[in-house]
Amino acid sequence: MSRISPVRDFVTVDISSTDFTSSNGFNCIYVGTTGNVTVLKADGSQATLPNMAGGMWHPVQGKGIVRSSTTATGLAVGFS
């Protein structure tokens, strides 16, 4: 079983008008309110993670969050 590293730093995500991208990528997502999150993966493809639980960090790696298909709110991405 792998161990999840603590969040060293994080930024809040605003996708109210455009997609979010991170030049260095991220390794976890905080979801404030339950919903779907579509992640832009390192290879450029997208993956929708349905019904992600709110109020917690999720160990998900990516380089962006896609606005058009994300319904979760109160998002942040973390770096460890």
PDB file of N, CA and C in Angstrom:
ATOM      1  N   MET A   1       0.842  -1.166   0.000  1.00  0.00           N
ATOM      2  CA  MET A   1       0.000   0.000   0.000  1.00  0.00           C
ATOM      3  C   MET A   1       0.891   1.233   0.000  1.00  0.00           C
ATOM      4  N   SER A   2       0.585   2.174  -0.899  1.00  0.00           N
ATOM      5  CA  SER A   2       1.391   3.388  -0.957  1.00  0.00           C
ATOM      6  C   SER A   2       0.867   4.412   0.037  1.00  0.00           C
ATOM      7  N   ARG A   3       1.756   5.258   0.460  1.00  0.00           N
ATOM      8  CA  ARG A   3       1.410   6.284   1.431  1.00  0.00           C
ATOM      9  C   ARG A   3       1.151   7.603   0.708  1.00  0.00           C
ATOM     10  N   ILE A   4       0.131   8.322   1.128  1.00  0.00           N
ATOM     11  CA  ILE A   4      -0.189   9.607   0.536  1.00  0.00           C
ATOM     12  C   ILE A   4       0.598  10.685   1.271  1.00  0.00           C
ATOM     13  N   SER A   5       1.326  11.490   0.502  1.00  0.00           N
ATOM     14  CA  SER A   5       2.120  12.562   1.095  1.00  0.00           C
ATOM     15  C   SER A   5       1.218  13.718   1.517  1.00  0.00           C
ATOM     16  N   PRO A   6       1.598  14.423   2.579  1.00  0.00           N
ATOM     17  CA  PRO A   6       0.801  15.586   2.987  1.00  0.00           C
ATOM     18  C   PRO A   6       0.890  16.698   1.944  1.00  0.00           C
ATOM     19  N   VAL A   7      -0.115  17.550   1.921  1.00  0.00           N
ATOM     20  CA  VAL A   7      -0.135  18.683   1.000  1.00  0.00           C
ATOM     21  C   VAL A   7       0.878  19.717   1.478  1.00  0.00           C
ATOM     22  N   ARG A   8       1.836  20.032   0.627  1.00  0.00           N
ATOM     23  CA  ARG A   8       2.864  21.027   0.934  1.00  0.00           C
ATOM     24  C   ARG A   8       2.371  22.432   0.648  1.00  0.00           C
ATOM     25  N   ASP A   9       1.596  22.556  -0.424  1.00  0.00           N
ATOM     26  CA  ASP A   9       1.070  23.858  -0.835  1.00  0.00           C
ATOM     27  C   ASP A   9      -0.182  23.610  -1.654  1.00  0.00           C
ATOM     28  N   PHE A  10      -1.037  24.624  -1.787  1.00  0.00           N
ATOM     29  CA  PHE A  10      -2.238  24.473  -2.594  1.00  0.00           C
ATOM     30  C   PHE A  10      -2.664  25.823  -3.149  1.00  0.00           C
ATOM     31  N   VAL A  11      -3.491  25.786  -4.175  1.00  0.00           N
ATOM     32  CA  VAL A  11      -4.107  26.988  -4.729  1.00  0.00           C
ATOM     33  C   VAL A  11      -5.590  26.709  -4.931  1.00  0.00           C
ATOM     34  N   THR A  12      -6.401  27.741  -4.715  1.00  0.00           N
ATOM     35  CA  THR A  12      -7.825  27.591  -5.001  1.00  0.00           C
ATOM     36  C   THR A  12      -8.022  27.650  -6.513  1.00  0.00           C
ATOM     37  N   VAL A  13      -9.067  26.992  -6.966  1.00  0.00           N
ATOM     38  CA  VAL A  13      -9.330  26.869  -8.398  1.00  0.00           C
ATOM     39  C   VAL A  13     -10.588  27.654  -8.747  1.00  0.00           C
ATOM     40  N   ASP A  14     -10.469  28.578  -9.698  1.00  0.00           N
ATOM     41  CA  ASP A  14     -11.618  29.335 -10.186  1.00  0.00           C
ATOM     42  C   ASP A  14     -11.882  28.924 -11.627  1.00  0.00           C
ATOM     43  N   ILE A  15     -12.955  28.160 -11.819  1.00  0.00           N
ATOM     44  CA  ILE A  15     -13.323  27.745 -13.177  1.00  0.00           C
ATOM     45  C   ILE A  15     -14.651  28.393 -13.591  1.00  0.00           C
ATOM     46  N   SER A  16     -14.960  29.545 -13.001  1.00  0.00           N
ATOM     47  CA  SER A  16     -16.221  30.213 -13.317  1.00  0.00           C
ATOM     48  C   SER A  16     -16.277  30.719 -14.760  1.00  0.00           C
ATOM     49  N   SER A  17     -15.120  30.998 -15.361  1.00  0.00           N
ATOM     50  CA  SER A  17     -15.128  31.518 -16.726  1.00  0.00           C
ATOM     51  C   SER A  17     -14.210  30.774 -17.686  1.00  0.00           C
ATOM     52  N   THR A  18     -13.282  29.988 -17.171  1.00  0.00           N
ATOM     53  CA  THR A  18     -12.337  29.289 -18.042  1.00  0.00           C
ATOM     54  C   THR A  18     -11.790  28.052 -17.335  1.00  0.00           C
ATOM     55  N   ASP A  19     -11.184  27.151 -18.098  1.00  0.00           N
ATOM     56  CA  ASP A  19     -10.534  25.973 -17.519  1.00  0.00           C
ATOM     57  C   ASP A  19      -9.369  26.411 -16.633  1.00  0.00           C
ATOM     58  N   PHE A  20      -9.006  25.555 -15.699  1.00  0.00           N
ATOM     59  CA  PHE A  20      -7.841  25.801 -14.847  1.00  0.00           C
ATOM     60  C   PHE A  20      -6.695  24.938 -15.348  1.00  0.00           C
ATOM     61  N   THR A  21      -5.515  25.516 -15.471  1.00  0.00           N
ATOM     62  CA  THR A  21      -4.327  24.731 -15.807  1.00  0.00           C
ATOM     63  C   THR A  21      -3.195  25.070 -14.851  1.00  0.00           C
ATOM     64  N   SER A  22      -2.386  24.061 -14.571  1.00  0.00           N
ATOM     65  CA  SER A  22      -1.232  24.214 -13.691  1.00  0.00           C
ATOM     66  C   SER A  22       0.015  23.842 -14.479  1.00  0.00           C
ATOM     67  N   SER A  23       0.960  24.741 -14.575  1.00  0.00           N
ATOM     68  CA  SER A  23       2.164  24.473 -15.373  1.00  0.00           C
ATOM     69  C   SER A  23       2.984  23.317 -14.814  1.00  0.00           C
ATOM     70  N   ASN A  24       2.942  23.117 -13.501  1.00  0.00           N
ATOM     71  CA  ASN A  24       3.724  22.040 -12.892  1.00  0.00           C
ATOM     72  C   ASN A  24       2.897  20.803 -12.550  1.00  0.00           C
ATOM     73  N   GLY A  25       1.600  20.852 -12.797  1.00  0.00           N
ATOM     74  CA  GLY A  25       0.738  19.733 -12.438  1.00  0.00           C
ATOM     75  C   GLY A  25       0.430  19.747 -10.939  1.00  0.00           C
ATOM     76  N   PHE A  26      -0.465  18.867 -10.530  1.00  0.00           N
ATOM     77  CA  PHE A  26      -0.854  18.746  -9.125  1.00  0.00           C
ATOM     78  C   PHE A  26      -1.052  17.273  -8.802  1.00  0.00           C
ATOM     79  N   ASN A  27      -1.084  16.957  -7.511  1.00  0.00           N
ATOM     80  CA  ASN A  27      -1.250  15.546  -7.147  1.00  0.00           C
ATOM     81  C   ASN A  27      -2.416  15.286  -6.203  1.00  0.00           C
ATOM     82  N   CYS A  28      -3.239  16.289  -5.960  1.00  0.00           N
ATOM     83  CA  CYS A  28      -4.465  16.062  -5.204  1.00  0.00           C
ATOM     84  C   CYS A  28      -5.443  17.206  -5.458  1.00  0.00           C
ATOM     85  N   ILE A  29      -6.722  16.901  -5.277  1.00  0.00           N
ATOM     86  CA  ILE A  29      -7.789  17.875  -5.491  1.00  0.00           C
ATOM     87  C   ILE A  29      -8.654  17.920  -4.239  1.00  0.00           C
ATOM     88  N   TYR A  30      -8.944  19.135  -3.772  1.00  0.00           N
ATOM     89  CA  TYR A  30      -9.912  19.315  -2.693  1.00  0.00           C
ATOM     90  C   TYR A  30     -11.254  19.661  -3.326  1.00  0.00           C
ATOM     91  N   VAL A  31     -12.292  18.951  -2.900  1.00  0.00           N
ATOM     92  CA  VAL A  31     -13.648  19.204  -3.377  1.00  0.00           C
ATOM     93  C   VAL A  31     -14.460  19.722  -2.198  1.00  0.00           C
ATOM     94  N   GLY A  32     -15.017  20.920  -2.325  1.00  0.00           N
ATOM     95  CA  GLY A  32     -15.824  21.493  -1.256  1.00  0.00           C
ATOM     96  C   GLY A  32     -17.237  20.929  -1.241  1.00  0.00           C
ATOM     97  N   THR A  33     -17.871  20.898  -2.402  1.00  0.00           N
ATOM     98  CA  THR A  33     -19.234  20.398  -2.538  1.00  0.00           C
ATOM     99  C   THR A  33     -19.248  19.264  -3.558  1.00  0.00           C
ATOM    100  N   THR A  34     -19.834  18.149  -3.197  1.00  0.00           N
ATOM    101  CA  THR A  34     -19.870  16.946  -4.024  1.00  0.00           C
ATOM    102  C   THR A  34     -20.312  17.240  -5.457  1.00  0.00           C
ATOM    103  N   GLY A  35     -19.641  16.601  -6.401  1.00  0.00           N
ATOM    104  CA  GLY A  35     -19.998  16.720  -7.816  1.00  0.00           C
ATOM    105  C   GLY A  35     -18.952  16.060  -8.695  1.00  0.00           C
ATOM    106  N   ASN A  36     -19.145  16.176 -10.000  1.00  0.00           N
ATOM    107  CA  ASN A  36     -18.196  15.614 -10.963  1.00  0.00           C
ATOM    108  C   ASN A  36     -17.016  16.565 -11.144  1.00  0.00           C
ATOM    109  N   VAL A  37     -15.831  15.987 -11.348  1.00  0.00           N
ATOM    110  CA  VAL A  37     -14.640  16.777 -11.651  1.00  0.00           C
ATOM    111  C   VAL A  37     -13.987  16.162 -12.885  1.00  0.00           C
ATOM    112  N   THR A  38     -13.795  16.980 -13.913  1.00  0.00           N
ATOM    113  CA  THR A  38     -13.100  16.509 -15.111  1.00  0.00           C
ATOM    114  C   THR A  38     -11.674  17.034 -15.069  1.00  0.00           C
ATOM    115  N   VAL A  39     -10.740  16.093 -15.073  1.00  0.00           N
ATOM    116  CA  VAL A  39      -9.315  16.392 -14.928  1.00  0.00           C
ATOM    117  C   VAL A  39      -8.629  16.292 -16.285  1.00  0.00           C
ATOM    118  N   LEU A  40      -7.773  17.257 -16.573  1.00  0.00           N
ATOM    119  CA  LEU A  40      -6.889  17.187 -17.723  1.00  0.00           C
ATOM    120  C   LEU A  40      -5.645  16.446 -17.268  1.00  0.00           C
ATOM    121  N   LYS A  41      -5.421  15.280 -17.854  1.00  0.00           N
ATOM    122  CA  LYS A  41      -4.300  14.437 -17.435  1.00  0.00           C
ATOM    123  C   LYS A  41      -3.005  14.883 -18.107  1.00  0.00           C
ATOM    124  N   ALA A  42      -1.898  14.367 -17.617  1.00  0.00           N
ATOM    125  CA  ALA A  42      -0.576  14.752 -18.114  1.00  0.00           C
ATOM    126  C   ALA A  42      -0.407  14.467 -19.608  1.00  0.00           C
ATOM    127  N   ASP A  43      -1.084  13.433 -20.114  1.00  0.00           N
ATOM    128  CA  ASP A  43      -0.956  13.087 -21.535  1.00  0.00           C
ATOM    129  C   ASP A  43      -1.888  13.911 -22.425  1.00  0.00           C
ATOM    130  N   GLY A  44      -2.651  14.835 -21.832  1.00  0.00           N
ATOM    131  CA  GLY A  44      -3.549  15.690 -22.592  1.00  0.00           C
ATOM    132  C   GLY A  44      -4.972  15.179 -22.700  1.00  0.00           C
ATOM    133  N   SER A  45      -5.205  13.950 -22.293  1.00  0.00           N
ATOM    134  CA  SER A  45      -6.567  13.416 -22.318  1.00  0.00           C
ATOM    135  C   SER A  45      -7.342  13.887 -21.093  1.00  0.00           C
ATOM    136  N   GLN A  46      -8.656  13.712 -21.136  1.00  0.00           N
ATOM    137  CA  GLN A  46      -9.512  14.120 -20.034  1.00  0.00           C
ATOM    138  C   GLN A  46     -10.172  12.904 -19.407  1.00  0.00           C
ATOM    139  N   ALA A  47     -10.419  12.991 -18.102  1.00  0.00           N
ATOM    140  CA  ALA A  47     -11.134  11.931 -17.383  1.00  0.00           C
ATOM    141  C   ALA A  47     -12.104  12.598 -16.420  1.00  0.00           C
ATOM    142  N   THR A  48     -13.368  12.177 -16.482  1.00  0.00           N
ATOM    143  CA  THR A  48     -14.365  12.704 -15.558  1.00  0.00           C
ATOM    144  C   THR A  48     -14.492  11.751 -14.375  1.00  0.00           C
ATOM    145  N   LEU A  49     -14.310  12.285 -13.194  1.00  0.00           N
ATOM    146  CA  LEU A  49     -14.442  11.530 -11.955  1.00  0.00           C
ATOM    147  C   LEU A  49     -15.819  11.866 -11.388  1.00  0.00           C
ATOM    148  N   PRO A  50     -16.760  10.919 -11.458  1.00  0.00           N
ATOM    149  CA  PRO A  50     -18.129  11.228 -11.072  1.00  0.00           C
ATOM    150  C   PRO A  50     -18.342  11.259  -9.564  1.00  0.00           C
ATOM    151  N   ASN A  51     -19.194  12.181  -9.146  1.00  0.00           N
ATOM    152  CA  ASN A  51     -19.688  12.212  -7.773  1.00  0.00           C
ATOM    153  C   ASN A  51     -18.575  12.191  -6.722  1.00  0.00           C
ATOM    154  N   MET A  52     -17.567  13.037  -6.893  1.00  0.00           N
ATOM    155  CA  MET A  52     -16.481  13.103  -5.910  1.00  0.00           C
ATOM    156  C   MET A  52     -17.019  13.709  -4.613  1.00  0.00           C
ATOM    157  N   ALA A  53     -16.728  13.056  -3.516  1.00  0.00           N
ATOM    158  CA  ALA A  53     -17.242  13.480  -2.209  1.00  0.00           C
ATOM    159  C   ALA A  53     -16.699  14.849  -1.818  1.00  0.00           C
ATOM    160  N   GLY A  54     -17.571  15.673  -1.272  1.00  0.00           N
ATOM    161  CA  GLY A  54     -17.192  17.001  -0.828  1.00  0.00           C
ATOM    162  C   GLY A  54     -16.564  16.976   0.554  1.00  0.00           C
ATOM    163  N   GLY A  55     -15.814  18.033   0.858  1.00  0.00           N
ATOM    164  CA  GLY A  55     -15.218  18.189   2.172  1.00  0.00           C
ATOM    165  C   GLY A  55     -13.963  17.385   2.405  1.00  0.00           C
ATOM    166  N   MET A  56     -13.289  16.985   1.310  1.00  0.00           N
ATOM    167  CA  MET A  56     -12.079  16.180   1.487  1.00  0.00           C
ATOM    168  C   MET A  56     -11.129  16.306   0.305  1.00  0.00           C
ATOM    169  N   TRP A  57      -9.867  15.931   0.574  1.00  0.00           N
ATOM    170  CA  TRP A  57      -8.830  15.865  -0.461  1.00  0.00           C
ATOM    171  C   TRP A  57      -8.900  14.500  -1.129  1.00  0.00           C
ATOM    172  N   HIS A  58      -8.658  14.477  -2.448  1.00  0.00           N
ATOM    173  CA  HIS A  58      -8.631  13.242  -3.224  1.00  0.00           C
ATOM    174  C   HIS A  58      -7.264  13.132  -3.907  1.00  0.00           C
ATOM    175  N   PRO A  59      -6.606  11.979  -3.816  1.00  0.00           N
ATOM    176  CA  PRO A  59      -5.288  11.812  -4.448  1.00  0.00           C
ATOM    177  C   PRO A  59      -5.424  11.595  -5.957  1.00  0.00           C
ATOM    178  N   VAL A  60      -5.464  12.686  -6.703  1.00  0.00           N
ATOM    179  CA  VAL A  60      -5.638  12.642  -8.153  1.00  0.00           C
ATOM    180  C   VAL A  60      -4.567  13.522  -8.792  1.00  0.00           C
ATOM    181  N   GLN A  61      -3.827  12.951  -9.731  1.00  0.00           N
ATOM    182  CA  GLN A  61      -2.804  13.733 -10.425  1.00  0.00           C
ATOM    183  C   GLN A  61      -3.363  14.285 -11.723  1.00  0.00           C
ATOM    184  N   GLY A  62      -2.927  15.476 -12.085  1.00  0.00           N
ATOM    185  CA  GLY A  62      -3.356  16.075 -13.344  1.00  0.00           C
ATOM    186  C   GLY A  62      -2.638  17.376 -13.591  1.00  0.00           C
ATOM    187  N   LYS A  63      -3.019  18.011 -14.700  1.00  0.00           N
ATOM    188  CA  LYS A  63      -2.438  19.322 -15.000  1.00  0.00           C
ATOM    189  C   LYS A  63      -3.499  20.382 -15.241  1.00  0.00           C
ATOM    190  N   GLY A  64      -4.775  19.999 -15.081  1.00  0.00           N
ATOM    191  CA  GLY A  64      -5.832  20.980 -15.243  1.00  0.00           C
ATOM    192  C   GLY A  64      -7.189  20.432 -14.845  1.00  0.00           C
ATOM    193  N   ILE A  65      -8.158  21.357 -14.732  1.00  0.00           N
ATOM    194  CA  ILE A  65      -9.547  21.006 -14.455  1.00  0.00           C
ATOM    195  C   ILE A  65     -10.399  21.671 -15.524  1.00  0.00           C
ATOM    196  N   VAL A  66     -11.263  20.867 -16.147  1.00  0.00           N
ATOM    197  CA  VAL A  66     -12.075  21.322 -17.272  1.00  0.00           C
ATOM    198  C   VAL A  66     -13.400  21.898 -16.767  1.00  0.00           C
ATOM    199  N   ARG A  67     -13.655  23.137 -17.104  1.00  0.00           N
ATOM    200  CA  ARG A  67     -14.829  23.875 -16.627  1.00  0.00           C
ATOM    201  C   ARG A  67     -16.149  23.282 -17.093  1.00  0.00           C
ATOM    202  N   SER A  68     -16.255  22.961 -18.392  1.00  0.00           N
ATOM    203  CA  SER A  68     -17.547  22.627 -18.989  1.00  0.00           C
ATOM    204  C   SER A  68     -18.220  21.391 -18.403  1.00  0.00           C
ATOM    205  N   SER A  69     -17.473  20.449 -17.882  1.00  0.00           N
ATOM    206  CA  SER A  69     -18.082  19.215 -17.370  1.00  0.00           C
ATOM    207  C   SER A  69     -17.848  18.997 -15.883  1.00  0.00           C
ATOM    208  N   THR A  70     -17.347  20.006 -15.188  1.00  0.00           N
ATOM    209  CA  THR A  70     -17.135  19.906 -13.744  1.00  0.00           C
ATOM    210  C   THR A  70     -18.327  20.541 -13.023  1.00  0.00           C
ATOM    211  N   THR A  71     -18.951  19.751 -12.139  1.00  0.00           N
ATOM    212  CA  THR A  71     -20.101  20.266 -11.381  1.00  0.00           C
ATOM    213  C   THR A  71     -19.777  20.485  -9.910  1.00  0.00           C
ATOM    214  N   ALA A  72     -18.688  19.906  -9.417  1.00  0.00           N
ATOM    215  CA  ALA A  72     -18.266  20.118  -8.032  1.00  0.00           C
ATOM    216  C   ALA A  72     -17.830  21.576  -7.867  1.00  0.00           C
ATOM    217  N   THR A  73     -17.963  22.089  -6.647  1.00  0.00           N
ATOM    218  CA  THR A  73     -17.552  23.469  -6.365  1.00  0.00           C
ATOM    219  C   THR A  73     -16.625  23.511  -5.167  1.00  0.00           C
ATOM    220  N   GLY A  74     -16.028  24.682  -4.938  1.00  0.00           N
ATOM    221  CA  GLY A  74     -15.109  24.854  -3.821  1.00  0.00           C
ATOM    222  C   GLY A  74     -13.836  24.053  -4.026  1.00  0.00           C
ATOM    223  N   LEU A  75     -13.275  24.134  -5.215  1.00  0.00           N
ATOM    224  CA  LEU A  75     -12.117  23.314  -5.582  1.00  0.00           C
ATOM    225  C   LEU A  75     -10.785  23.979  -5.249  1.00  0.00           C
ATOM    226  N   ALA A  76      -9.819  23.140  -4.934  1.00  0.00           N
ATOM    227  CA  ALA A  76      -8.422  23.553  -4.773  1.00  0.00           C
ATOM    228  C   ALA A  76      -7.564  22.400  -5.268  1.00  0.00           C
ATOM    229  N   VAL A  77      -6.351  22.689  -5.703  1.00  0.00           N
ATOM    230  CA  VAL A  77      -5.412  21.633  -6.061  1.00  0.00           C
ATOM    231  C   VAL A  77      -4.206  21.744  -5.151  1.00  0.00           C
ATOM    232  N   GLY A  78      -3.641  20.591  -4.803  1.00  0.00           N
ATOM    233  CA  GLY A  78      -2.522  20.557  -3.889  1.00  0.00           C
ATOM    234  C   GLY A  78      -1.260  19.978  -4.496  1.00  0.00           C
ATOM    235  N   PHE A  79      -0.150  20.343  -3.899  1.00  0.00           N
ATOM    236  CA  PHE A  79       1.172  19.903  -4.338  1.00  0.00           C
ATOM    237  C   PHE A  79       1.901  19.348  -3.116  1.00  0.00           C
ATOM    238  N   SER A  80       2.529  18.215  -3.289  1.00  0.00           N
ATOM    239  CA  SER A  80       3.281  17.671  -2.143  1.00  0.00           C
ATOM    240  C   SER A  80       4.711  17.392  -2.510  1.00  0.00           C
TER     241      SER A  80
END
